[in-house]
Amino acid sequence: MTFEPDPPSPESGRTVPAAHPWRRYVALGDSFTEGIGDPEPGSPDGHRGWADRVAEVLASQVDDFAYANLAVRGKLIAQIAADQIDPALALQPDLISISAGGNDVIRPGTDPDAVAEKLEDAVVRLSSGGASVVVFTGIDTNFTPVFRGIRGKVAIFNENIRAIAAKYDAIVADQWGLKQIQDMRFFDDDRLHMNPLGHHEVARMVLRTLNVPNDLQPMQPDPLPLTTWRAAREKDLVWARAYLMPWVSRRLRHKSSGDFVHAKRPEPTPVLFLSPDAAEDSDSAEPRT
């Protein structure tokens, strides 16, 4: 099979080479980058996620590739900046991704411009080592009743992100424009984190943005089941008890789901990558060194 590399993303602040030059990738962020919603028993913390999927593809194409993931669920942007940036720079990566600010923006009363200022400081620091830096826009929340009300805040935050990327020559991975995942079938039962289908589509988008050819194919969700209004409301109540109320309780107690969680890949290590035919069988994974 031959590949025609995708053209450089119009959202990027730079032209990305067709043959990827990266040998050491470090991912920073919160639950999105940690991979919550994408279970994988073979992973150090039991989750795979889009960043692992991207690293698997990058590792399959070059020798001596290593990958670290410092992301921890529940973290706010100030915590990510304080706890992850210096360790990331100490690993001397040539590719860095940071997705931060989402947990801030969804909180009532937060200012997306103020959150973006913190992200800009983070990008300045991460750029200081000469690595390629990838930043993420937030998803368009118009499709989900749970987060539709913050759509305007997300849009403002995204415009700041694009300006930051242009100013500091960063690369924008555009979730807002990723229409495929604007569908609850790409999300976990908690309605917040993406499921394996969602993480897979994000990985495909990131690889397109980096102009890295790959064999990843679109994944189609099952058709929506027929349901009654009463059954849908009962499901909403189950969701509220299982996910919404615990989230509210943690906010009131100033607790986080990541308070006692450590980064799953604190050091750059070779990547266990899965062939397309073995994607569902982690026992067939082989290390790329």
Protein backbone atom coordinates (compact mmCIF):
# COMPACT_ATOMS: atom_id res chain seq x y z
CA MET A 1 0.00 0.00 0.00
CA THR A 2 1.25 3.47 -0.81
CA PHE A 3 0.41 6.66 1.02
CA GLU A 4 -0.01 10.22 -0.10
CA PRO A 5 0.86 12.39 2.89
CA ASP A 6 -1.88 14.76 3.98
CA PRO A 7 -1.16 18.42 3.21
CA PRO A 8 0.04 20.52 6.15
CA SER A 9 -2.83 21.41 8.46
CA PRO A 10 -4.10 24.95 7.92
CA GLU A 11 -4.33 25.20 11.71
CA SER A 12 -0.61 24.63 12.14
CA GLY A 13 1.78 27.43 12.82
CA ARG A 14 4.44 25.65 10.78
CA THR A 15 4.89 23.32 7.82
CA VAL A 16 5.38 19.78 9.13
CA PRO A 17 7.72 17.47 7.18
CA ALA A 18 6.23 14.44 5.41
CA ALA A 19 8.67 11.95 7.00
CA HIS A 20 8.49 12.45 10.73
CA PRO A 21 11.78 13.37 12.41
CA TRP A 22 10.83 12.72 16.02
CA ARG A 23 12.56 10.26 18.32
CA ARG A 24 11.35 11.28 21.80
CA TYR A 25 7.74 12.21 22.46
CA VAL A 26 6.36 13.46 25.78
CA ALA A 27 2.62 13.97 26.35
CA LEU A 28 1.31 16.36 29.01
CA GLY A 29 -2.22 16.95 30.22
CA ASP A 30 -5.17 15.54 32.11
CA SER A 31 -7.52 12.56 31.71
CA PHE A 32 -7.90 13.15 27.96
CA THR A 33 -4.19 12.54 27.39
CA GLU A 34 -3.89 9.88 30.08
CA GLY A 35 -6.41 7.87 28.06
CA ILE A 36 -9.36 7.60 30.43
CA GLY A 37 -12.29 5.91 28.69
CA ASP A 38 -10.02 3.70 26.57
CA PRO A 39 -9.29 0.63 28.74
CA GLU A 40 -6.19 -1.41 28.02
CA PRO A 41 -5.11 -4.05 30.57
CA GLY A 42 -1.56 -4.03 29.24
CA SER A 43 -1.04 -0.34 29.96
CA PRO A 44 0.71 0.70 33.19
CA ASP A 45 -2.49 2.36 34.46
CA GLY A 46 -4.98 0.25 32.54
CA HIS A 47 -5.72 2.88 29.88
CA ARG A 48 -4.48 3.39 26.33
CA GLY A 49 -5.79 6.61 24.77
CA TRP A 50 -5.03 8.73 21.74
CA ALA A 51 -1.47 9.63 22.84
CA ASP A 52 -0.48 5.97 23.17
CA ARG A 53 -2.03 5.30 19.77
CA VAL A 54 -0.07 8.15 18.19
CA ALA A 55 3.14 6.97 19.83
CA GLU A 56 2.57 3.45 18.50
CA VAL A 57 2.42 4.76 14.93
CA LEU A 58 5.44 7.04 15.37
CA ALA A 59 7.44 4.21 16.92
CA SER A 60 6.60 1.83 14.08
CA GLN A 61 8.24 4.14 11.53
CA VAL A 62 11.59 5.04 13.09
CA ASP A 63 14.26 3.41 15.19
CA ASP A 64 15.19 4.40 18.74
CA PHE A 65 11.82 5.98 19.46
CA ALA A 66 10.78 6.57 23.09
CA TYR A 67 7.59 7.88 24.62
CA ALA A 68 6.63 9.30 28.02
CA ASN A 69 3.15 10.28 29.21
CA LEU A 70 3.01 12.57 32.24
CA ALA A 71 -0.73 13.29 32.08
CA VAL A 72 -2.85 12.76 35.19
CA ARG A 73 -6.65 12.77 35.33
CA GLY A 74 -8.47 15.66 36.95
CA LYS A 75 -5.63 18.16 36.75
CA LEU A 76 -6.22 21.88 36.24
CA ILE A 77 -3.93 23.87 34.00
CA ALA A 78 -1.99 25.40 36.90
CA GLN A 79 -1.31 21.90 38.27
CA ILE A 80 -0.19 20.64 34.87
CA ALA A 81 2.17 23.59 34.54
CA ALA A 82 3.56 23.14 38.04
CA ASP A 83 3.93 19.35 38.01
CA GLN A 84 4.59 18.32 34.41
CA ILE A 85 6.50 20.98 32.46
CA ASP A 86 9.86 20.81 34.22
CA PRO A 87 9.90 16.98 34.27
CA ALA A 88 8.96 17.00 30.58
CA LEU A 89 11.78 19.35 29.64
CA ALA A 90 14.24 17.30 31.68
CA LEU A 91 13.46 14.34 29.39
CA GLN A 92 14.75 16.36 26.39
CA PRO A 93 11.90 15.55 23.98
CA ASP A 94 11.80 16.68 20.37
CA LEU A 95 7.98 16.37 20.27
CA ILE A 96 5.66 17.57 23.05
CA SER A 97 1.87 17.59 23.21
CA ILE A 98 -0.07 19.54 25.81
CA SER A 99 -3.83 19.46 26.24
CA ALA A 100 -4.69 21.57 29.27
CA GLY A 101 -7.41 23.91 30.42
CA GLY A 102 -10.45 21.77 29.72
CA ASN A 103 -11.05 21.02 33.40
CA ASP A 104 -10.81 24.75 34.10
CA VAL A 105 -13.17 25.83 31.33
CA ILE A 106 -15.97 23.43 32.32
CA ARG A 107 -16.03 24.83 35.86
CA PRO A 108 -18.70 27.47 36.52
CA GLY A 109 -17.43 31.04 36.69
CA THR A 110 -14.04 30.48 35.08
CA ASP A 111 -12.66 32.94 32.52
CA PRO A 112 -11.42 31.29 29.29
CA ASP A 113 -9.11 34.25 28.62
CA ALA A 114 -7.43 33.81 32.01
CA VAL A 115 -7.07 30.06 31.40
CA ALA A 116 -5.49 30.81 28.01
CA GLU A 117 -2.92 33.08 29.67
CA LYS A 118 -1.77 30.13 31.75
CA LEU A 119 -1.59 27.98 28.61
CA GLU A 120 0.50 30.62 26.87
CA ASP A 121 2.99 30.58 29.74
CA ALA A 122 3.16 26.79 29.44
CA VAL A 123 3.76 26.92 25.68
CA VAL A 124 6.55 29.49 26.14
CA ARG A 125 8.29 27.20 28.62
CA LEU A 126 7.82 24.07 26.53
CA SER A 127 9.09 25.79 23.39
CA SER A 128 12.31 26.81 25.11
CA GLY A 129 13.93 23.43 24.46
CA GLY A 130 13.39 23.54 20.70
CA ALA A 131 10.83 20.72 20.55
CA SER A 132 7.81 20.71 18.26
CA VAL A 133 4.84 21.60 20.49
CA VAL A 134 1.28 20.39 19.78
CA VAL A 135 -1.68 22.12 21.43
CA PHE A 136 -5.36 21.10 21.30
CA THR A 137 -8.53 23.05 20.77
CA GLY A 138 -11.55 21.97 22.78
CA ILE A 139 -14.31 19.93 21.19
CA ASP A 140 -17.47 21.63 19.91
CA THR A 141 -19.92 20.78 22.71
CA ASN A 142 -23.09 21.72 20.84
CA PHE A 143 -24.03 18.04 20.35
CA THR A 144 -24.21 17.21 24.06
CA PRO A 145 -26.86 18.65 26.39
CA VAL A 146 -24.51 18.23 29.37
CA PHE A 147 -21.94 20.73 28.06
CA ARG A 148 -23.86 22.70 25.44
CA GLY A 149 -24.09 25.65 27.81
CA ILE A 150 -20.31 26.19 27.84
CA ARG A 151 -19.94 26.14 24.06
CA GLY A 152 -19.23 29.89 23.98
CA LYS A 153 -16.49 29.57 26.62
CA VAL A 154 -14.86 26.75 24.68
CA ALA A 155 -14.98 28.80 21.46
CA ILE A 156 -13.28 31.77 23.17
CA PHE A 157 -10.64 29.49 24.65
CA ASN A 158 -10.04 27.95 21.23
CA GLU A 159 -9.47 31.33 19.56
CA ASN A 160 -6.87 32.10 22.20
CA ILE A 161 -5.22 28.74 21.55
CA ARG A 162 -4.97 29.45 17.82
CA ALA A 163 -3.41 32.84 18.53
CA ILE A 164 -0.92 31.30 20.94
CA ALA A 165 0.05 28.65 18.40
CA ALA A 166 0.60 31.26 15.69
CA LYS A 167 2.69 33.40 18.02
CA TYR A 168 4.98 30.61 19.22
CA ASP A 169 5.08 28.39 16.13
CA ALA A 170 3.11 25.58 17.75
CA ILE A 171 0.96 23.00 15.97
CA VAL A 172 -2.81 23.00 16.50
CA ALA A 173 -4.62 19.67 16.78
CA ASP A 174 -8.15 20.82 16.04
CA GLN A 175 -10.76 18.89 18.02
CA TRP A 176 -13.39 21.59 17.36
CA GLY A 177 -13.27 20.72 13.66
CA LEU A 178 -13.30 16.95 14.24
CA LYS A 179 -16.96 16.41 13.40
CA GLN A 180 -16.75 12.61 13.64
CA ILE A 181 -16.54 12.68 17.44
CA GLN A 182 -19.48 15.07 17.89
CA ASP A 183 -21.58 12.02 18.63
CA MET A 184 -22.21 10.47 22.05
CA ARG A 185 -21.41 7.03 20.61
CA PHE A 186 -17.76 8.13 20.68
CA PHE A 187 -17.95 8.80 24.43
CA ASP A 188 -17.79 6.67 27.53
CA ASP A 189 -20.75 6.11 29.85
CA ASP A 190 -19.68 9.11 31.95
CA ARG A 191 -20.46 11.40 28.96
CA LEU A 192 -17.20 13.27 29.57
CA HIS A 193 -14.36 11.02 28.41
CA MET A 194 -14.04 9.51 24.96
CA ASN A 195 -14.33 5.77 24.52
CA PRO A 196 -11.91 3.74 22.33
CA LEU A 197 -13.63 4.95 19.15
CA GLY A 198 -13.18 8.57 20.18
CA HIS A 199 -9.53 8.16 21.18
CA HIS A 200 -8.89 6.36 17.89
CA GLU A 201 -10.37 9.24 15.87
CA VAL A 202 -8.36 11.80 17.82
CA ALA A 203 -5.20 9.79 17.15
CA ARG A 204 -5.99 9.80 13.43
CA MET A 205 -6.52 13.57 13.55
CA VAL A 206 -3.23 14.17 15.38
CA LEU A 207 -1.32 12.05 12.87
CA ARG A 208 -2.94 13.99 9.99
CA THR A 209 -1.95 17.23 11.69
CA LEU A 210 1.64 16.00 12.01
CA ASN A 211 1.48 14.83 8.37
CA VAL A 212 2.48 11.29 9.37
CA PRO A 213 1.22 8.55 7.00
CA ASN A 214 -0.45 5.62 8.71
CA ASP A 215 -2.81 2.67 8.30
CA LEU A 216 -5.40 3.74 10.87
CA GLN A 217 -8.88 3.49 9.41
CA PRO A 218 -12.09 5.19 10.57
CA MET A 219 -14.07 3.26 13.17
CA GLN A 220 -17.86 3.25 12.85
CA PRO A 221 -20.03 3.08 15.97
CA ASP A 222 -22.99 0.78 16.27
CA PRO A 223 -26.37 2.25 15.26
CA LEU A 224 -28.20 4.09 18.00
CA PRO A 225 -30.69 1.75 19.69
CA LEU A 226 -34.36 2.67 19.69
CA THR A 227 -35.48 3.96 23.08
CA THR A 228 -38.46 5.57 24.74
CA TRP A 229 -38.55 8.94 26.48
CA ARG A 230 -39.00 7.19 29.84
CA ALA A 231 -36.02 4.87 29.26
CA ALA A 232 -33.85 7.81 28.25
CA ARG A 233 -34.77 9.72 31.44
CA GLU A 234 -34.07 6.65 33.56
CA LYS A 235 -30.66 6.42 31.93
CA ASP A 236 -30.09 10.10 32.70
CA LEU A 237 -30.86 9.45 36.38
CA VAL A 238 -28.43 6.53 36.48
CA TRP A 239 -25.75 8.75 34.90
CA ALA A 240 -26.39 11.55 37.41
CA ARG A 241 -26.04 9.21 40.37
CA ALA A 242 -22.99 7.39 39.02
CA TYR A 243 -21.01 10.29 37.56
CA LEU A 244 -22.47 13.78 38.05
CA MET A 245 -23.03 13.68 41.80
CA PRO A 246 -19.55 12.27 42.58
CA TRP A 247 -18.03 15.00 40.37
CA VAL A 248 -19.99 17.72 42.21
CA SER A 249 -19.05 16.18 45.56
CA ARG A 250 -15.34 16.28 44.69
CA ARG A 251 -15.62 19.94 43.67
CA LEU A 252 -17.31 20.85 46.95
CA ARG A 253 -14.61 19.02 48.91
CA HIS A 254 -11.80 20.45 46.74
CA LYS A 255 -10.78 16.94 45.77
CA SER A 256 -9.71 15.53 42.41
CA SER A 257 -9.90 12.11 40.81
CA GLY A 258 -6.17 12.42 40.22
CA ASP A 259 -5.09 13.32 43.76
CA PHE A 260 -3.36 9.97 44.33
CA VAL A 261 -2.60 9.07 40.72
CA HIS A 262 0.91 9.11 39.24
CA ALA A 263 1.94 9.47 35.61
CA LYS A 264 1.66 6.14 33.81
CA ARG A 265 4.86 6.62 31.75
CA PRO A 266 7.14 9.01 33.66
CA GLU A 267 10.23 8.06 31.63
CA PRO A 268 10.70 7.75 27.85
CA THR A 269 10.58 4.07 27.01
CA PRO A 270 10.18 1.96 23.86
CA VAL A 271 6.60 1.61 22.69
CA LEU A 272 4.50 -1.54 22.51
CA PHE A 273 2.75 -1.04 19.20
CA LEU A 274 -0.14 -3.00 17.77
CA SER A 275 -0.56 -3.99 14.17
CA PRO A 276 -3.99 -3.16 12.68
CA ASP A 277 -4.94 -6.86 12.74
CA ALA A 278 -3.94 -7.18 16.39
CA ALA A 279 -5.42 -3.97 17.72
CA GLU A 280 -7.86 -5.82 19.95
CA ASP A 281 -5.30 -8.27 21.31
CA SER A 282 -2.68 -6.65 23.49
CA ASP A 283 -0.90 -9.98 23.98
CA SER A 284 0.38 -9.71 20.40
CA ALA A 285 2.05 -6.36 21.00
CA GLU A 286 5.76 -6.15 20.30
CA PRO A 287 8.24 -3.50 21.44
CA ARG A 288 9.72 -1.13 18.88
CA THR A 289 13.27 -0.18 19.85
